[in-house]
C-alpha atoms as a PDB file:
ATOM      1  CA  UNK A   1       0.000   0.000   0.000  1.00  0.00           C
ATOM      2  CA  UNK A   2       1.422   3.395  -0.991  1.00  0.00           C
ATOM      3  CA  UNK A   3       1.075   6.390   1.310  1.00  0.00           C
ATOM      4  CA  UNK A   4       1.172  10.144   0.805  1.00  0.00           C
ATOM      5  CA  UNK A   5       1.381  12.918   3.364  1.00  0.00           C
ATOM      6  CA  UNK A   6      -1.281  15.625   3.143  1.00  0.00           C
ATOM      7  CA  UNK A   7       0.022  19.097   3.969  1.00  0.00           C
ATOM      8  CA  UNK A   8      -1.242  22.635   3.612  1.00  0.00           C
ATOM      9  CA  UNK A   9      -0.168  24.395   0.426  1.00  0.00           C
ATOM     10  CA  UNK A  10       0.058  27.645   2.420  1.00  0.00           C
ATOM     11  CA  UNK A  11       3.599  28.716   3.350  1.00  0.00           C
ATOM     12  CA  UNK A  12       4.395  28.294   7.046  1.00  0.00           C
ATOM     13  CA  UNK A  13       6.746  29.790   9.598  1.00  0.00           C
ATOM     14  CA  UNK A  14      10.193  28.220   9.615  1.00  0.00           C
ATOM     15  CA  UNK A  15      10.180  24.943  11.524  1.00  0.00           C
ATOM     16  CA  UNK A  16       6.377  24.717  11.781  1.00  0.00           C
ATOM     17  CA  UNK A  17       3.746  22.959   9.705  1.00  0.00           C
ATOM     18  CA  UNK A  18       1.015  25.197   8.302  1.00  0.00           C
ATOM     19  CA  UNK A  19      -2.561  24.486   9.368  1.00  0.00           C
ATOM     20  CA  UNK A  20      -4.591  22.391   6.910  1.00  0.00           C
ATOM     21  CA  UNK A  21      -7.968  23.062   8.553  1.00  0.00           C
ATOM     22  CA  UNK A  22     -10.062  22.173  11.575  1.00  0.00           C
ATOM     23  CA  UNK A  23     -11.495  18.661  11.799  1.00  0.00           C
ATOM     24  CA  UNK A  24     -14.976  19.982  11.019  1.00  0.00           C
ATOM     25  CA  UNK A  25     -13.705  21.832   7.931  1.00  0.00           C
ATOM     26  CA  UNK A  26     -11.876  18.717   6.718  1.00  0.00           C
ATOM     27  CA  UNK A  27     -15.019  16.586   7.041  1.00  0.00           C
ATOM     28  CA  UNK A  28     -17.052  19.251   5.221  1.00  0.00           C
ATOM     29  CA  UNK A  29     -14.515  19.445   2.354  1.00  0.00           C
ATOM     30  CA  UNK A  30     -14.317  15.668   1.940  1.00  0.00           C
ATOM     31  CA  UNK A  31     -18.031  14.827   2.217  1.00  0.00           C
ATOM     32  CA  UNK A  32     -18.746  15.563  -1.497  1.00  0.00           C
ATOM     33  CA  UNK A  33     -15.919  13.143  -2.357  1.00  0.00           C
ATOM     34  CA  UNK A  34     -17.718  10.376  -0.436  1.00  0.00           C
ATOM     35  CA  UNK A  35     -14.967  10.368   2.195  1.00  0.00           C
ATOM     36  CA  UNK A  36     -15.572  10.339   5.941  1.00  0.00           C
ATOM     37  CA  UNK A  37     -15.250   8.392   9.208  1.00  0.00           C
ATOM     38  CA  UNK A  38     -17.200   5.218   9.960  1.00  0.00           C
ATOM     39  CA  UNK A  39     -18.357   6.741  13.265  1.00  0.00           C
ATOM     40  CA  UNK A  40     -18.651  10.243  14.686  1.00  0.00           C
ATOM     41  CA  UNK A  41     -15.287  11.336  16.074  1.00  0.00           C
ATOM     42  CA  UNK A  42     -13.351   8.742  14.073  1.00  0.00           C
ATOM     43  CA  UNK A  43      -9.820   9.637  13.046  1.00  0.00           C
ATOM     44  CA  UNK A  44      -9.689   7.376   9.976  1.00  0.00           C
ATOM     45  CA  UNK A  45     -11.631   8.628   6.961  1.00  0.00           C
ATOM     46  CA  UNK A  46     -12.676   6.136   4.291  1.00  0.00           C
ATOM     47  CA  UNK A  47     -13.178   7.086   0.661  1.00  0.00           C
ATOM     48  CA  UNK A  48     -13.154   5.511  -2.774  1.00  0.00           C
ATOM     49  CA  UNK A  49      -9.773   3.786  -3.041  1.00  0.00           C
ATOM     50  CA  UNK A  50      -8.228   5.661  -0.098  1.00  0.00           C
ATOM     51  CA  UNK A  51      -8.062   6.052   3.656  1.00  0.00           C
ATOM     52  CA  UNK A  52      -6.963   9.249   5.404  1.00  0.00           C
ATOM     53  CA  UNK A  53      -5.633   9.188   8.961  1.00  0.00           C
ATOM     54  CA  UNK A  54      -5.997  12.353  11.019  1.00  0.00           C
ATOM     55  CA  UNK A  55      -3.829  12.660  14.133  1.00  0.00           C
ATOM     56  CA  UNK A  56      -5.710  12.133  17.390  1.00  0.00           C
ATOM     57  CA  UNK A  57      -6.301  15.254  19.428  1.00  0.00           C
ATOM     58  CA  UNK A  58      -4.542  17.767  17.155  1.00  0.00           C
ATOM     59  CA  UNK A  59      -6.746  20.784  16.481  1.00  0.00           C
ATOM     60  CA  UNK A  60      -6.339  22.374  14.046  1.00  0.00           C
ATOM     61  CA  UNK A  61      -4.858  19.624  11.866  1.00  0.00           C
ATOM     62  CA  UNK A  62      -1.416  20.253  10.320  1.00  0.00           C
ATOM     63  CA  UNK A  63      -0.802  16.942   8.531  1.00  0.00           C
ATOM     64  CA  UNK A  64      -2.589  13.723   7.613  1.00  0.00           C
ATOM     65  CA  UNK A  65      -1.570  10.400   6.093  1.00  0.00           C
ATOM     66  CA  UNK A  66      -3.363   9.215   2.955  1.00  0.00           C
ATOM     67  CA  UNK A  67      -3.082   5.509   2.061  1.00  0.00           C
ATOM     68  CA  UNK A  68      -3.944   4.243  -1.396  1.00  0.00           C
ATOM     69  CA  UNK A  69      -6.109   1.149  -1.198  1.00  0.00           C
ATOM     70  CA  UNK A  70      -7.097   0.843  -4.907  1.00  0.00           C
ATOM     71  CA  UNK A  71      -4.710   2.162  -7.592  1.00  0.00           C
ATOM     72  CA  UNK A  72      -7.314   2.177 -10.395  1.00  0.00           C
ATOM     73  CA  UNK A  73      -9.647   4.504  -8.514  1.00  0.00           C
ATOM     74  CA  UNK A  74      -6.861   6.827  -7.327  1.00  0.00           C
ATOM     75  CA  UNK A  75      -4.764   7.704 -10.352  1.00  0.00           C
ATOM     76  CA  UNK A  76      -5.530   9.527 -13.566  1.00  0.00           C
ATOM     77  CA  UNK A  77      -7.124  12.815 -14.526  1.00  0.00           C
ATOM     78  CA  UNK A  78     -10.489  11.864 -13.021  1.00  0.00           C
ATOM     79  CA  UNK A  79      -9.003   9.855 -10.140  1.00  0.00           C
ATOM     80  CA  UNK A  80      -9.855  10.542  -6.527  1.00  0.00           C
ATOM     81  CA  UNK A  81      -6.392  11.955  -5.725  1.00  0.00           C
ATOM     82  CA  UNK A  82      -6.648  14.566  -8.459  1.00  0.00           C
ATOM     83  CA  UNK A  83     -10.187  15.544  -7.416  1.00  0.00           C
ATOM     84  CA  UNK A  84      -9.169  15.702  -3.752  1.00  0.00           C
ATOM     85  CA  UNK A  85      -6.159  17.941  -4.437  1.00  0.00           C
ATOM     86  CA  UNK A  86      -8.128  20.266  -6.722  1.00  0.00           C
ATOM     87  CA  UNK A  87     -11.100  20.555  -4.328  1.00  0.00           C
ATOM     88  CA  UNK A  88      -9.053  21.161  -1.186  1.00  0.00           C
ATOM     89  CA  UNK A  89      -5.885  22.839  -2.446  1.00  0.00           C
ATOM     90  CA  UNK A  90      -3.851  20.561  -0.180  1.00  0.00           C
ATOM     91  CA  UNK A  91      -0.377  19.396  -1.117  1.00  0.00           C
ATOM     92  CA  UNK A  92       0.093  15.633  -1.496  1.00  0.00           C
ATOM     93  CA  UNK A  93       3.704  14.648  -0.840  1.00  0.00           C
ATOM     94  CA  UNK A  94       5.633  11.402  -1.117  1.00  0.00           C
ATOM     95  CA  UNK A  95       6.992  10.764   2.412  1.00  0.00           C
ATOM     96  CA  UNK A  96      10.044   8.878   1.131  1.00  0.00           C
ATOM     97  CA  UNK A  97      11.349  11.400  -1.415  1.00  0.00           C
ATOM     98  CA  UNK A  98       9.718  14.578  -0.083  1.00  0.00           C
ATOM     99  CA  UNK A  99       8.514  15.402  -3.584  1.00  0.00           C
ATOM    100  CA  UNK A 100       4.985  16.718  -4.149  1.00  0.00           C
ATOM    101  CA  UNK A 101       2.608  14.650  -6.256  1.00  0.00           C
ATOM    102  CA  UNK A 102       1.915  16.385  -9.588  1.00  0.00           C
ATOM    103  CA  UNK A 103      -1.745  17.267 -10.142  1.00  0.00           C
ATOM    104  CA  UNK A 104      -3.134  16.912 -13.675  1.00  0.00           C
END
């Protein structure tokens, strides 16, 4: 399973991660993409071909981990990763190389 780190695309202060959003804002942004927790207050969000892990207790959220569960659903111009990045403006980054994922 491949993973990507979700970060804010907003520049941050040196040595700090920029805020992505509050938990409520994240859930609101992802709902139209059919992505959300199984239960109220859950920290793992399930969507088509992906899971997103929010850190427990952090508010506002500064980073999340996205895991790809189904490659076919995720990649491509109409894939869920492209739609997610365009809708939210978040940066998707490869944790191993540190390179951002290009958005079509």
